[in-house]
Amino acid sequence: MITGGLTTTLIKWSLPVALAMAAPCRADAAIFRLLVLGDSIGAGYGLAPQQSFPAQLAQDLPTGVSVDIIDDSVSGDTSAGGLARVGDALGRRPDALLLELGANDALRGVDPNVTYANLDRILSQCDTAHVPVLILGMKAPANWGHDYQTRFDAVFPHLAKAHHALLYPFLLDGVALDPAFNQADLLHPNAAGAALIARHLVPDVIRLISERKKAP
């Protein structure tokens, strides 16, 4: 459905029954709310709604406990944009969050220190709200030079360590720049690329949900 200008996709799927045995965090905790705070990759730019990686991730998860994936991704968004709207995103009361921001910072040559600061503040708000995060890392393009690449690529592992967050090191692993998995611009995954991203993420997402359900 369309809410406040954002495309929000609610997808019910399942996880292993074993995950249901931990104490619920709310009365409605049988439905695990997993929010994606992202950009055009999360939003499925150029794809049908059911072809985005969040939608395909929901289809790939095992069975057992219902999950709502709330896709709160905005095409063209940067880390600054995500910071501006994370409060509203957390107001949706997610149980966990996939942080999928940074690609547009790199494409625009934003100072990695600025990207770090923005994402750090997003993660701090998640920490305060007791919402665990899986950081979906990104890598800088080569056109900004080796120094920029090194500094930008280090942002995500440093954030994960600082906030004790889970990290998937590179969201586009196996997808980036491959014509078989990208649209004509070689920036946005096609349906096959989104499907590959989703399959790669399944183990980390299961771990995220399992750890959240074990938390007090």
N, C-alpha and C. Protein backbone atom coordinates (compact mmCIF):
# COMPACT_ATOMS: atom_id res chain seq x y z
N MET A 1 0.84 -1.18 0.00
CA MET A 1 0.00 0.00 0.00
C MET A 1 0.88 1.23 0.00
N ILE A 2 0.30 2.40 -0.39
CA ILE A 2 1.04 3.65 -0.44
C ILE A 2 0.65 4.47 0.77
N THR A 3 1.65 4.85 1.59
CA THR A 3 1.39 5.62 2.81
C THR A 3 2.34 6.80 2.86
N GLY A 4 1.81 8.00 2.90
CA GLY A 4 2.64 9.20 3.05
C GLY A 4 3.70 9.35 1.98
N GLY A 5 3.39 8.91 0.76
CA GLY A 5 4.33 9.05 -0.34
C GLY A 5 5.36 7.95 -0.41
N LEU A 6 5.37 7.04 0.56
CA LEU A 6 6.33 5.95 0.56
C LEU A 6 5.63 4.67 0.18
N THR A 7 6.36 3.79 -0.48
CA THR A 7 5.81 2.48 -0.79
C THR A 7 6.12 1.54 0.34
N THR A 8 5.09 1.05 1.04
CA THR A 8 5.27 0.18 2.19
C THR A 8 4.66 -1.17 1.87
N THR A 9 5.49 -2.21 1.80
CA THR A 9 5.03 -3.53 1.44
C THR A 9 4.99 -4.41 2.67
N LEU A 10 3.81 -4.95 3.00
CA LEU A 10 3.66 -5.86 4.13
C LEU A 10 3.57 -7.27 3.58
N ILE A 11 4.49 -8.13 4.00
CA ILE A 11 4.55 -9.48 3.47
C ILE A 11 4.57 -10.46 4.62
N LYS A 12 3.58 -11.31 4.72
CA LYS A 12 3.55 -12.31 5.78
C LYS A 12 4.22 -13.58 5.27
N TRP A 13 5.17 -14.06 6.03
CA TRP A 13 5.82 -15.33 5.70
C TRP A 13 6.13 -16.04 6.99
N SER A 14 7.06 -16.96 6.99
CA SER A 14 7.27 -17.79 8.17
C SER A 14 8.72 -18.02 8.46
N LEU A 15 9.01 -18.38 9.74
CA LEU A 15 10.32 -18.76 10.20
C LEU A 15 10.19 -20.04 11.01
N PRO A 16 11.30 -20.70 11.36
CA PRO A 16 11.22 -21.98 12.04
C PRO A 16 10.45 -21.91 13.35
N VAL A 17 9.73 -22.99 13.65
CA VAL A 17 8.94 -23.05 14.87
C VAL A 17 9.80 -22.81 16.09
N ALA A 18 11.07 -23.21 16.04
CA ALA A 18 11.96 -23.05 17.18
C ALA A 18 12.07 -21.59 17.60
N LEU A 19 11.94 -20.66 16.65
CA LEU A 19 12.07 -19.25 16.98
C LEU A 19 10.89 -18.77 17.82
N ALA A 20 9.76 -19.47 17.77
CA ALA A 20 8.58 -19.05 18.50
C ALA A 20 8.68 -19.35 19.98
N MET A 21 9.68 -20.13 20.41
CA MET A 21 9.73 -20.59 21.79
C MET A 21 10.30 -19.55 22.74
N ALA A 22 10.93 -18.49 22.20
CA ALA A 22 11.43 -17.43 23.07
C ALA A 22 10.27 -16.58 23.55
N ALA A 23 10.47 -15.86 24.66
CA ALA A 23 9.41 -15.03 25.22
C ALA A 23 9.04 -13.92 24.26
N PRO A 24 7.76 -13.61 24.07
CA PRO A 24 7.35 -12.56 23.15
C PRO A 24 7.71 -11.19 23.69
N CYS A 25 8.01 -10.24 22.77
CA CYS A 25 8.34 -8.88 23.19
C CYS A 25 7.09 -8.02 23.30
N ARG A 26 5.97 -8.45 22.70
CA ARG A 26 4.70 -7.77 22.79
C ARG A 26 3.59 -8.80 22.70
N ALA A 27 2.37 -8.35 22.94
CA ALA A 27 1.25 -9.28 22.87
C ALA A 27 1.09 -9.85 21.47
N ASP A 28 1.47 -9.06 20.44
CA ASP A 28 1.30 -9.54 19.08
C ASP A 28 2.61 -10.04 18.50
N ALA A 29 3.53 -10.50 19.37
CA ALA A 29 4.88 -10.85 18.92
C ALA A 29 4.91 -12.09 18.05
N ALA A 30 3.78 -12.81 17.93
CA ALA A 30 3.75 -13.96 17.03
C ALA A 30 4.00 -13.51 15.59
N ILE A 31 3.68 -12.26 15.29
CA ILE A 31 3.97 -11.69 13.98
C ILE A 31 5.21 -10.82 14.13
N PHE A 32 6.31 -11.25 13.56
CA PHE A 32 7.59 -10.54 13.68
C PHE A 32 7.63 -9.45 12.62
N ARG A 33 7.86 -8.21 13.06
CA ARG A 33 7.85 -7.06 12.15
C ARG A 33 9.30 -6.70 11.79
N LEU A 34 9.65 -6.93 10.54
CA LEU A 34 11.00 -6.68 10.05
C LEU A 34 10.95 -5.51 9.06
N LEU A 35 11.61 -4.41 9.42
CA LEU A 35 11.53 -3.20 8.61
C LEU A 35 12.81 -3.02 7.79
N VAL A 36 12.65 -2.66 6.53
CA VAL A 36 13.78 -2.34 5.65
C VAL A 36 13.83 -0.82 5.49
N LEU A 37 14.89 -0.20 5.99
CA LEU A 37 15.11 1.23 5.81
C LEU A 37 16.17 1.37 4.72
N GLY A 38 15.72 1.69 3.51
CA GLY A 38 16.65 1.63 2.39
C GLY A 38 16.42 2.66 1.31
N ASP A 39 17.08 2.41 0.18
CA ASP A 39 17.02 3.30 -0.98
C ASP A 39 16.38 2.55 -2.15
N SER A 40 16.79 2.87 -3.37
CA SER A 40 16.15 2.28 -4.55
C SER A 40 16.35 0.77 -4.65
N ILE A 41 17.43 0.25 -4.08
CA ILE A 41 17.64 -1.19 -4.12
C ILE A 41 16.59 -1.88 -3.26
N GLY A 42 16.35 -1.34 -2.07
CA GLY A 42 15.29 -1.88 -1.23
C GLY A 42 13.91 -1.66 -1.81
N ALA A 43 13.72 -0.51 -2.47
CA ALA A 43 12.42 -0.18 -3.04
C ALA A 43 12.12 -0.98 -4.31
N GLY A 44 13.13 -1.63 -4.87
CA GLY A 44 12.92 -2.39 -6.10
C GLY A 44 12.71 -1.51 -7.30
N TYR A 45 13.55 -0.48 -7.43
CA TYR A 45 13.45 0.44 -8.56
C TYR A 45 13.44 -0.33 -9.89
N GLY A 46 12.47 -0.03 -10.75
CA GLY A 46 12.38 -0.65 -12.06
C GLY A 46 11.79 -2.04 -12.05
N LEU A 47 11.35 -2.53 -10.89
CA LEU A 47 10.82 -3.88 -10.77
C LEU A 47 9.36 -3.85 -10.35
N ALA A 48 8.67 -4.94 -10.60
CA ALA A 48 7.34 -5.11 -10.03
C ALA A 48 7.48 -5.27 -8.52
N PRO A 49 6.48 -4.87 -7.73
CA PRO A 49 6.61 -4.94 -6.27
C PRO A 49 7.04 -6.30 -5.75
N GLN A 50 6.54 -7.37 -6.35
CA GLN A 50 6.87 -8.71 -5.86
C GLN A 50 8.27 -9.16 -6.25
N GLN A 51 8.99 -8.32 -7.05
CA GLN A 51 10.33 -8.68 -7.48
C GLN A 51 11.43 -8.01 -6.66
N SER A 52 11.09 -7.08 -5.78
CA SER A 52 12.11 -6.42 -4.97
C SER A 52 12.78 -7.44 -4.06
N PHE A 53 13.98 -7.14 -3.59
CA PHE A 53 14.64 -8.13 -2.74
C PHE A 53 13.91 -8.34 -1.41
N PRO A 54 13.27 -7.30 -0.79
CA PRO A 54 12.51 -7.61 0.42
C PRO A 54 11.35 -8.57 0.16
N ALA A 55 10.65 -8.39 -0.97
CA ALA A 55 9.55 -9.28 -1.28
C ALA A 55 10.05 -10.70 -1.54
N GLN A 56 11.16 -10.81 -2.25
CA GLN A 56 11.68 -12.15 -2.54
C GLN A 56 12.32 -12.77 -1.29
N LEU A 57 12.84 -11.95 -0.41
CA LEU A 57 13.35 -12.46 0.86
C LEU A 57 12.24 -13.12 1.65
N ALA A 58 11.08 -12.49 1.68
CA ALA A 58 9.94 -13.06 2.40
C ALA A 58 9.58 -14.44 1.85
N GLN A 59 9.70 -14.62 0.55
CA GLN A 59 9.37 -15.89 -0.07
C GLN A 59 10.41 -16.96 0.24
N ASP A 60 11.64 -16.54 0.52
CA ASP A 60 12.73 -17.49 0.72
C ASP A 60 12.87 -17.94 2.17
N LEU A 61 12.25 -17.22 3.11
CA LEU A 61 12.39 -17.59 4.52
C LEU A 61 11.66 -18.90 4.81
N PRO A 62 12.18 -19.71 5.73
CA PRO A 62 11.53 -20.98 6.07
C PRO A 62 10.20 -20.76 6.79
N THR A 63 9.55 -21.84 7.14
CA THR A 63 8.21 -21.75 7.70
C THR A 63 8.21 -21.89 9.21
N GLY A 64 7.18 -21.31 9.86
CA GLY A 64 7.02 -21.49 11.29
C GLY A 64 6.33 -20.35 11.98
N VAL A 65 6.88 -19.13 11.92
CA VAL A 65 6.32 -17.96 12.59
C VAL A 65 6.09 -16.86 11.56
N SER A 66 4.93 -16.22 11.64
CA SER A 66 4.60 -15.18 10.65
C SER A 66 5.53 -13.97 10.76
N VAL A 67 5.91 -13.43 9.62
CA VAL A 67 6.78 -12.24 9.55
C VAL A 67 6.13 -11.22 8.62
N ASP A 68 6.05 -9.98 9.07
CA ASP A 68 5.68 -8.87 8.20
C ASP A 68 6.95 -8.14 7.83
N ILE A 69 7.25 -8.09 6.53
CA ILE A 69 8.37 -7.27 6.07
C ILE A 69 7.80 -5.93 5.63
N ILE A 70 8.21 -4.88 6.31
CA ILE A 70 7.74 -3.53 6.03
C ILE A 70 8.84 -2.83 5.23
N ASP A 71 8.58 -2.63 3.96
CA ASP A 71 9.61 -2.05 3.09
C ASP A 71 9.46 -0.54 3.09
N ASP A 72 10.26 0.13 3.90
CA ASP A 72 10.24 1.58 4.03
C ASP A 72 11.45 2.16 3.30
N SER A 73 11.54 1.86 2.00
CA SER A 73 12.68 2.28 1.18
C SER A 73 12.24 3.37 0.21
N VAL A 74 13.14 4.33 -0.04
CA VAL A 74 12.85 5.47 -0.91
C VAL A 74 13.94 5.57 -1.97
N SER A 75 13.57 5.50 -3.22
CA SER A 75 14.55 5.60 -4.30
C SER A 75 15.29 6.93 -4.22
N GLY A 76 16.61 6.86 -4.37
CA GLY A 76 17.45 8.06 -4.33
C GLY A 76 17.86 8.49 -2.94
N ASP A 77 17.41 7.77 -1.91
CA ASP A 77 17.69 8.20 -0.55
C ASP A 77 19.16 8.02 -0.20
N THR A 78 19.63 8.90 0.67
CA THR A 78 21.00 8.88 1.18
C THR A 78 20.96 8.57 2.67
N SER A 79 22.14 8.49 3.27
CA SER A 79 22.19 8.29 4.72
C SER A 79 21.53 9.46 5.45
N ALA A 80 21.66 10.68 4.91
CA ALA A 80 21.01 11.84 5.52
C ALA A 80 19.50 11.72 5.44
N GLY A 81 18.99 11.26 4.31
CA GLY A 81 17.55 11.07 4.17
C GLY A 81 17.04 10.01 5.13
N GLY A 82 17.79 8.94 5.28
CA GLY A 82 17.40 7.90 6.21
C GLY A 82 17.37 8.40 7.64
N LEU A 83 18.35 9.24 7.99
CA LEU A 83 18.39 9.80 9.33
C LEU A 83 17.17 10.68 9.58
N ALA A 84 16.75 11.43 8.55
CA ALA A 84 15.61 12.33 8.70
C ALA A 84 14.31 11.57 8.95
N ARG A 85 14.22 10.33 8.52
CA ARG A 85 12.95 9.61 8.64
C ARG A 85 13.02 8.37 9.52
N VAL A 86 14.15 8.12 10.17
CA VAL A 86 14.24 6.92 10.99
C VAL A 86 13.28 6.97 12.18
N GLY A 87 13.01 8.18 12.69
CA GLY A 87 12.07 8.28 13.80
C GLY A 87 10.69 7.78 13.42
N ASP A 88 10.22 8.18 12.24
CA ASP A 88 8.93 7.69 11.76
C ASP A 88 8.98 6.19 11.51
N ALA A 89 10.11 5.73 10.98
CA ALA A 89 10.24 4.29 10.71
C ALA A 89 10.15 3.49 12.00
N LEU A 90 10.84 3.94 13.03
CA LEU A 90 10.79 3.23 14.31
C LEU A 90 9.42 3.34 14.96
N GLY A 91 8.67 4.40 14.58
CA GLY A 91 7.30 4.52 15.06
C GLY A 91 6.39 3.41 14.57
N ARG A 92 6.82 2.68 13.57
CA ARG A 92 6.05 1.52 13.09
C ARG A 92 6.24 0.29 13.98
N ARG A 93 7.06 0.45 15.00
CA ARG A 93 7.33 -0.57 16.02
C ARG A 93 7.86 -1.88 15.41
N PRO A 94 8.94 -1.78 14.64
CA PRO A 94 9.54 -3.01 14.11
C PRO A 94 10.23 -3.80 15.22
N ASP A 95 10.31 -5.10 15.04
CA ASP A 95 11.07 -5.95 15.95
C ASP A 95 12.55 -5.96 15.59
N ALA A 96 12.86 -5.71 14.33
CA ALA A 96 14.25 -5.65 13.86
C ALA A 96 14.27 -4.84 12.58
N LEU A 97 15.47 -4.43 12.17
CA LEU A 97 15.59 -3.52 11.04
C LEU A 97 16.76 -3.93 10.14
N LEU A 98 16.52 -3.87 8.84
CA LEU A 98 17.59 -4.02 7.85
C LEU A 98 17.97 -2.61 7.39
N LEU A 99 19.21 -2.21 7.62
CA LEU A 99 19.68 -0.87 7.25
C LEU A 99 20.37 -0.95 5.90
N GLU A 100 19.69 -0.43 4.88
CA GLU A 100 20.18 -0.54 3.50
C GLU A 100 20.36 0.86 2.91
N LEU A 101 21.36 1.57 3.41
CA LEU A 101 21.64 2.92 2.96
C LEU A 101 23.14 3.10 2.78
N GLY A 102 23.51 4.02 1.90
CA GLY A 102 24.92 4.33 1.68
C GLY A 102 25.32 4.32 0.22
N ALA A 103 24.60 3.58 -0.62
CA ALA A 103 24.98 3.49 -2.03
C ALA A 103 24.94 4.86 -2.70
N ASN A 104 23.90 5.65 -2.43
CA ASN A 104 23.80 6.96 -3.06
C ASN A 104 24.82 7.95 -2.51
N ASP A 105 25.22 7.77 -1.25
CA ASP A 105 26.32 8.58 -0.72
C ASP A 105 27.58 8.34 -1.55
N ALA A 106 27.88 7.07 -1.81
CA ALA A 106 29.08 6.73 -2.57
C ALA A 106 29.01 7.25 -4.00
N LEU A 107 27.84 7.11 -4.62
CA LEU A 107 27.70 7.58 -6.01
C LEU A 107 27.88 9.09 -6.11
N ARG A 108 27.53 9.81 -5.05
CA ARG A 108 27.64 11.27 -5.04
C ARG A 108 28.96 11.76 -4.46
N GLY A 109 29.79 10.85 -3.99
CA GLY A 109 31.06 11.25 -3.42
C GLY A 109 30.95 11.93 -2.08
N VAL A 110 29.91 11.61 -1.31
CA VAL A 110 29.76 12.18 0.02
C VAL A 110 30.94 11.75 0.90
N ASP A 111 31.46 12.68 1.70
CA ASP A 111 32.56 12.36 2.60
C ASP A 111 32.19 11.16 3.46
N PRO A 112 32.99 10.09 3.48
CA PRO A 112 32.68 8.92 4.30
C PRO A 112 32.47 9.24 5.78
N ASN A 113 33.12 10.31 6.28
CA ASN A 113 32.89 10.70 7.67
C ASN A 113 31.44 11.16 7.88
N VAL A 114 30.87 11.81 6.86
CA VAL A 114 29.48 12.25 6.94
C VAL A 114 28.55 11.05 6.89
N THR A 115 28.83 10.12 5.98
CA THR A 115 28.03 8.90 5.90
C THR A 115 28.07 8.15 7.22
N TYR A 116 29.28 8.02 7.78
CA TYR A 116 29.42 7.33 9.06
C TYR A 116 28.58 8.01 10.15
N ALA A 117 28.68 9.33 10.22
CA ALA A 117 27.97 10.06 11.27
C ALA A 117 26.46 9.88 11.14
N ASN A 118 25.94 9.94 9.92
CA ASN A 118 24.50 9.77 9.71
C ASN A 118 24.04 8.36 10.10
N LEU A 119 24.77 7.36 9.63
CA LEU A 119 24.39 5.98 9.93
C LEU A 119 24.57 5.68 11.42
N ASP A 120 25.59 6.28 12.02
CA ASP A 120 25.82 6.11 13.45
C ASP A 120 24.63 6.64 14.25
N ARG A 121 24.08 7.77 13.85
CA ARG A 121 22.93 8.34 14.55
C ARG A 121 21.68 7.50 14.32
N ILE A 122 21.54 6.93 13.13
CA ILE A 122 20.42 6.00 12.88
C ILE A 122 20.52 4.81 13.81
N LEU A 123 21.70 4.23 13.89
CA LEU A 123 21.90 3.05 14.72
C LEU A 123 21.73 3.38 16.20
N SER A 124 22.13 4.57 16.61
CA SER A 124 21.95 4.96 18.00
C SER A 124 20.47 5.05 18.35
N GLN A 125 19.66 5.54 17.42
CA GLN A 125 18.22 5.57 17.66
C GLN A 125 17.63 4.17 17.73
N CYS A 126 18.14 3.28 16.90
CA CYS A 126 17.70 1.88 16.97
C CYS A 126 18.12 1.25 18.30
N ASP A 127 19.33 1.56 18.75
CA ASP A 127 19.79 1.05 20.05
C ASP A 127 18.86 1.52 21.17
N THR A 128 18.52 2.80 21.14
CA THR A 128 17.66 3.36 22.18
C THR A 128 16.29 2.70 22.17
N ALA A 129 15.80 2.38 20.98
CA ALA A 129 14.49 1.73 20.84
C ALA A 129 14.57 0.21 21.02
N HIS A 130 15.76 -0.30 21.29
CA HIS A 130 15.98 -1.75 21.46
C HIS A 130 15.55 -2.53 20.21
N VAL A 131 15.87 -1.97 19.05
CA VAL A 131 15.58 -2.62 17.78
C VAL A 131 16.90 -3.09 17.17
N PRO A 132 17.15 -4.39 17.13
CA PRO A 132 18.41 -4.88 16.55
C PRO A 132 18.46 -4.66 15.05
N VAL A 133 19.68 -4.53 14.54
CA VAL A 133 19.87 -4.15 13.14
C VAL A 133 20.81 -5.12 12.44
N LEU A 134 20.46 -5.44 11.21
CA LEU A 134 21.39 -6.08 10.28
C LEU A 134 21.80 -5.00 9.29
N ILE A 135 23.09 -4.63 9.32
CA ILE A 135 23.61 -3.62 8.41
C ILE A 135 23.94 -4.29 7.07
N LEU A 136 23.38 -3.74 6.01
CA LEU A 136 23.66 -4.25 4.66
C LEU A 136 24.72 -3.35 4.04
N GLY A 137 25.95 -3.81 4.08
CA GLY A 137 27.08 -2.99 3.68
C GLY A 137 27.13 -2.68 2.20
N MET A 138 27.87 -1.63 1.87
CA MET A 138 28.02 -1.19 0.49
C MET A 138 29.49 -0.88 0.26
N LYS A 139 29.89 -0.90 -1.01
CA LYS A 139 31.26 -0.56 -1.38
C LYS A 139 31.24 0.60 -2.36
N ALA A 140 32.26 1.43 -2.30
CA ALA A 140 32.34 2.62 -3.15
C ALA A 140 32.77 2.23 -4.57
N PRO A 141 32.31 2.99 -5.57
CA PRO A 141 32.80 2.79 -6.93
C PRO A 141 34.25 3.25 -7.05
N ALA A 142 34.92 2.77 -8.08
CA ALA A 142 36.35 3.06 -8.24
C ALA A 142 36.64 4.48 -8.68
N ASN A 143 35.64 5.19 -9.21
CA ASN A 143 35.93 6.48 -9.84
C ASN A 143 36.35 7.56 -8.85
N TRP A 144 36.13 7.38 -7.55
CA TRP A 144 36.54 8.38 -6.57
C TRP A 144 37.96 8.15 -6.05
N GLY A 145 38.61 7.09 -6.51
CA GLY A 145 39.99 6.85 -6.12
C GLY A 145 40.12 5.89 -4.94
N HIS A 146 41.34 5.39 -4.76
CA HIS A 146 41.60 4.35 -3.76
C HIS A 146 41.37 4.85 -2.34
N ASP A 147 41.78 6.08 -2.04
CA ASP A 147 41.62 6.58 -0.68
C ASP A 147 40.16 6.66 -0.29
N TYR A 148 39.33 7.18 -1.20
CA TYR A 148 37.89 7.26 -0.92
C TYR A 148 37.31 5.87 -0.74
N GLN A 149 37.66 4.95 -1.63
CA GLN A 149 37.16 3.58 -1.52
C GLN A 149 37.50 2.97 -0.16
N THR A 150 38.74 3.12 0.24
CA THR A 150 39.19 2.53 1.51
C THR A 150 38.41 3.11 2.68
N ARG A 151 38.25 4.42 2.69
CA ARG A 151 37.55 5.08 3.79
C ARG A 151 36.07 4.73 3.80
N PHE A 152 35.45 4.73 2.62
CA PHE A 152 34.02 4.43 2.55
C PHE A 152 33.73 2.98 2.91
N ASP A 153 34.52 2.07 2.37
CA ASP A 153 34.27 0.64 2.61
C ASP A 153 34.43 0.28 4.08
N ALA A 154 35.23 1.08 4.80
CA ALA A 154 35.45 0.80 6.23
C ALA A 154 34.29 1.26 7.11
N VAL A 155 33.40 2.09 6.56
CA VAL A 155 32.30 2.65 7.35
C VAL A 155 31.45 1.55 7.98
N PHE A 156 31.09 0.55 7.19
CA PHE A 156 30.10 -0.44 7.64
C PHE A 156 30.64 -1.41 8.68
N PRO A 157 31.82 -1.99 8.49
CA PRO A 157 32.35 -2.84 9.57
C PRO A 157 32.61 -2.07 10.86
N HIS A 158 33.04 -0.80 10.75
CA HIS A 158 33.27 -0.01 11.96
C HIS A 158 31.96 0.26 12.70
N LEU A 159 30.90 0.54 11.95
CA LEU A 159 29.60 0.76 12.58
C LEU A 159 29.09 -0.51 13.25
N ALA A 160 29.25 -1.62 12.57
CA ALA A 160 28.78 -2.89 13.14
C ALA A 160 29.49 -3.19 14.45
N LYS A 161 30.79 -2.93 14.50
CA LYS A 161 31.54 -3.17 15.73
C LYS A 161 31.12 -2.20 16.83
N ALA A 162 30.94 -0.94 16.48
CA ALA A 162 30.60 0.08 17.47
C ALA A 162 29.23 -0.17 18.10
N HIS A 163 28.30 -0.71 17.31
CA HIS A 163 26.93 -0.89 17.79
C HIS A 163 26.58 -2.36 18.04
N HIS A 164 27.56 -3.23 17.95
CA HIS A 164 27.33 -4.67 18.15
C HIS A 164 26.18 -5.16 17.25
N ALA A 165 26.19 -4.68 16.02
CA ALA A 165 25.15 -5.03 15.05
C ALA A 165 25.66 -6.13 14.12
N LEU A 166 24.72 -6.88 13.57
CA LEU A 166 25.08 -7.86 12.55
C LEU A 166 25.43 -7.13 11.25
N LEU A 167 26.32 -7.72 10.47
CA LEU A 167 26.77 -7.09 9.22
C LEU A 167 26.77 -8.10 8.09
N TYR A 168 26.08 -7.73 7.00
CA TYR A 168 26.27 -8.42 5.73
C TYR A 168 27.20 -7.52 4.93
N PRO A 169 28.45 -7.92 4.68
CA PRO A 169 29.47 -6.97 4.24
C PRO A 169 29.18 -6.19 2.96
N PHE A 170 28.58 -6.85 1.95
CA PHE A 170 28.37 -6.16 0.69
C PHE A 170 27.06 -6.64 0.09
N LEU A 171 26.06 -5.76 0.11
CA LEU A 171 24.72 -6.13 -0.34
C LEU A 171 24.71 -6.67 -1.76
N LEU A 172 25.56 -6.12 -2.63
CA LEU A 172 25.55 -6.49 -4.05
C LEU A 172 26.58 -7.56 -4.38
N ASP A 173 27.00 -8.33 -3.39
CA ASP A 173 27.96 -9.40 -3.62
C ASP A 173 27.42 -10.38 -4.66
N GLY A 174 28.19 -10.59 -5.71
CA GLY A 174 27.77 -11.50 -6.77
C GLY A 174 26.81 -10.88 -7.77
N VAL A 175 26.42 -9.63 -7.54
CA VAL A 175 25.44 -8.94 -8.38
C VAL A 175 26.04 -7.72 -9.07
N ALA A 176 26.88 -6.97 -8.36
CA ALA A 176 27.38 -5.69 -8.85
C ALA A 176 28.05 -5.81 -10.22
N LEU A 177 27.62 -4.94 -11.14
CA LEU A 177 28.21 -4.77 -12.48
C LEU A 177 28.05 -5.97 -13.39
N ASP A 178 27.32 -6.98 -12.97
CA ASP A 178 27.08 -8.16 -13.82
C ASP A 178 25.81 -7.93 -14.63
N PRO A 179 25.90 -7.83 -15.96
CA PRO A 179 24.71 -7.57 -16.78
C PRO A 179 23.61 -8.61 -16.59
N ALA A 180 23.96 -9.80 -16.21
CA ALA A 180 22.95 -10.84 -16.01
C ALA A 180 22.07 -10.56 -14.82
N PHE A 181 22.55 -9.74 -13.88
CA PHE A 181 21.81 -9.49 -12.65
C PHE A 181 21.42 -8.03 -12.45
N ASN A 182 21.62 -7.21 -13.49
CA ASN A 182 21.33 -5.79 -13.35
C ASN A 182 20.50 -5.27 -14.52
N GLN A 183 19.82 -4.17 -14.25
CA GLN A 183 19.13 -3.46 -15.31
C GLN A 183 20.17 -2.76 -16.19
N ALA A 184 19.71 -2.09 -17.22
CA ALA A 184 20.63 -1.54 -18.22
C ALA A 184 21.61 -0.53 -17.64
N ASP A 185 21.22 0.13 -16.52
CA ASP A 185 22.12 1.13 -15.93
C ASP A 185 23.27 0.50 -15.15
N LEU A 186 23.24 -0.81 -14.96
CA LEU A 186 24.25 -1.56 -14.19
C LEU A 186 24.37 -1.05 -12.74
N LEU A 187 23.34 -0.36 -12.27
CA LEU A 187 23.30 0.12 -10.90
C LEU A 187 22.21 -0.56 -10.08
N HIS A 188 21.10 -0.86 -10.74
CA HIS A 188 19.95 -1.41 -10.05
C HIS A 188 19.74 -2.88 -10.43
N PRO A 189 19.64 -3.76 -9.44
CA PRO A 189 19.43 -5.17 -9.75
C PRO A 189 18.14 -5.40 -10.53
N ASN A 190 18.19 -6.35 -11.45
CA ASN A 190 16.96 -6.81 -12.09
C ASN A 190 16.31 -7.86 -11.18
N ALA A 191 15.26 -8.50 -11.65
CA ALA A 191 14.54 -9.46 -10.81
C ALA A 191 15.46 -10.60 -10.38
N ALA A 192 16.31 -11.08 -11.30
CA ALA A 192 17.23 -12.16 -10.96
C ALA A 192 18.26 -11.70 -9.93
N GLY A 193 18.73 -10.46 -10.07
CA GLY A 193 19.69 -9.93 -9.10
C GLY A 193 19.07 -9.77 -7.73
N ALA A 194 17.83 -9.27 -7.68
CA ALA A 194 17.15 -9.12 -6.40
C ALA A 194 16.91 -10.48 -5.75
N ALA A 195 16.60 -11.47 -6.57
CA ALA A 195 16.41 -12.83 -6.04
C ALA A 195 17.69 -13.37 -5.45
N LEU A 196 18.83 -13.09 -6.11
CA LEU A 196 20.12 -13.57 -5.59
C LEU A 196 20.46 -12.86 -4.27
N ILE A 197 20.21 -11.56 -4.20
CA ILE A 197 20.43 -10.83 -2.95
C ILE A 197 19.60 -11.45 -1.84
N ALA A 198 18.34 -11.71 -2.12
CA ALA A 198 17.45 -12.28 -1.10
C ALA A 198 17.96 -13.63 -0.60
N ARG A 199 18.37 -14.48 -1.51
CA ARG A 199 18.87 -15.81 -1.10
C ARG A 199 20.12 -15.67 -0.24
N HIS A 200 21.00 -14.75 -0.60
CA HIS A 200 22.22 -14.54 0.18
C HIS A 200 21.91 -14.06 1.60
N LEU A 201 20.85 -13.27 1.75
CA LEU A 201 20.54 -12.66 3.04
C LEU A 201 19.82 -13.59 4.01
N VAL A 202 19.22 -14.64 3.51
CA VAL A 202 18.38 -15.49 4.37
C VAL A 202 19.08 -15.93 5.66
N PRO A 203 20.30 -16.48 5.62
CA PRO A 203 20.92 -16.93 6.89
C PRO A 203 21.10 -15.81 7.89
N ASP A 204 21.50 -14.62 7.43
CA ASP A 204 21.72 -13.50 8.35
C ASP A 204 20.41 -12.97 8.91
N VAL A 205 19.36 -12.97 8.09
CA VAL A 205 18.06 -12.51 8.57
C VAL A 205 17.51 -13.49 9.60
N ILE A 206 17.67 -14.79 9.37
CA ILE A 206 17.23 -15.78 10.36
C ILE A 206 17.99 -15.58 11.67
N ARG A 207 19.28 -15.31 11.57
CA ARG A 207 20.08 -15.07 12.77
C ARG A 207 19.59 -13.82 13.50
N LEU A 208 19.29 -12.75 12.76
CA LEU A 208 18.80 -11.51 13.35
C LEU A 208 17.50 -11.76 14.11
N ILE A 209 16.59 -12.47 13.50
CA ILE A 209 15.29 -12.71 14.13
C ILE A 209 15.45 -13.63 15.34
N SER A 210 16.30 -14.63 15.21
CA SER A 210 16.54 -15.55 16.31
C SER A 210 17.13 -14.81 17.51
N GLU A 211 18.12 -13.95 17.26
CA GLU A 211 18.74 -13.20 18.35
C GLU A 211 17.76 -12.24 19.00
N ARG A 212 16.89 -11.63 18.20
CA ARG A 212 15.90 -10.72 18.76
C ARG A 212 14.92 -11.48 19.67
N LYS A 213 14.54 -12.64 19.27
CA LYS A 213 13.57 -13.40 20.05
C LYS A 213 14.20 -13.98 21.34
N LYS A 214 15.53 -14.06 21.37
CA LYS A 214 16.20 -14.52 22.58
C LYS A 214 16.45 -13.38 23.56
N ALA A 215 16.31 -12.14 23.08
CA ALA A 215 16.61 -10.99 23.94
C ALA A 215 15.55 -10.86 25.04
N PRO A 216 15.92 -10.29 26.20
CA PRO A 216 14.95 -10.09 27.27
C PRO A 216 13.80 -9.21 26.83
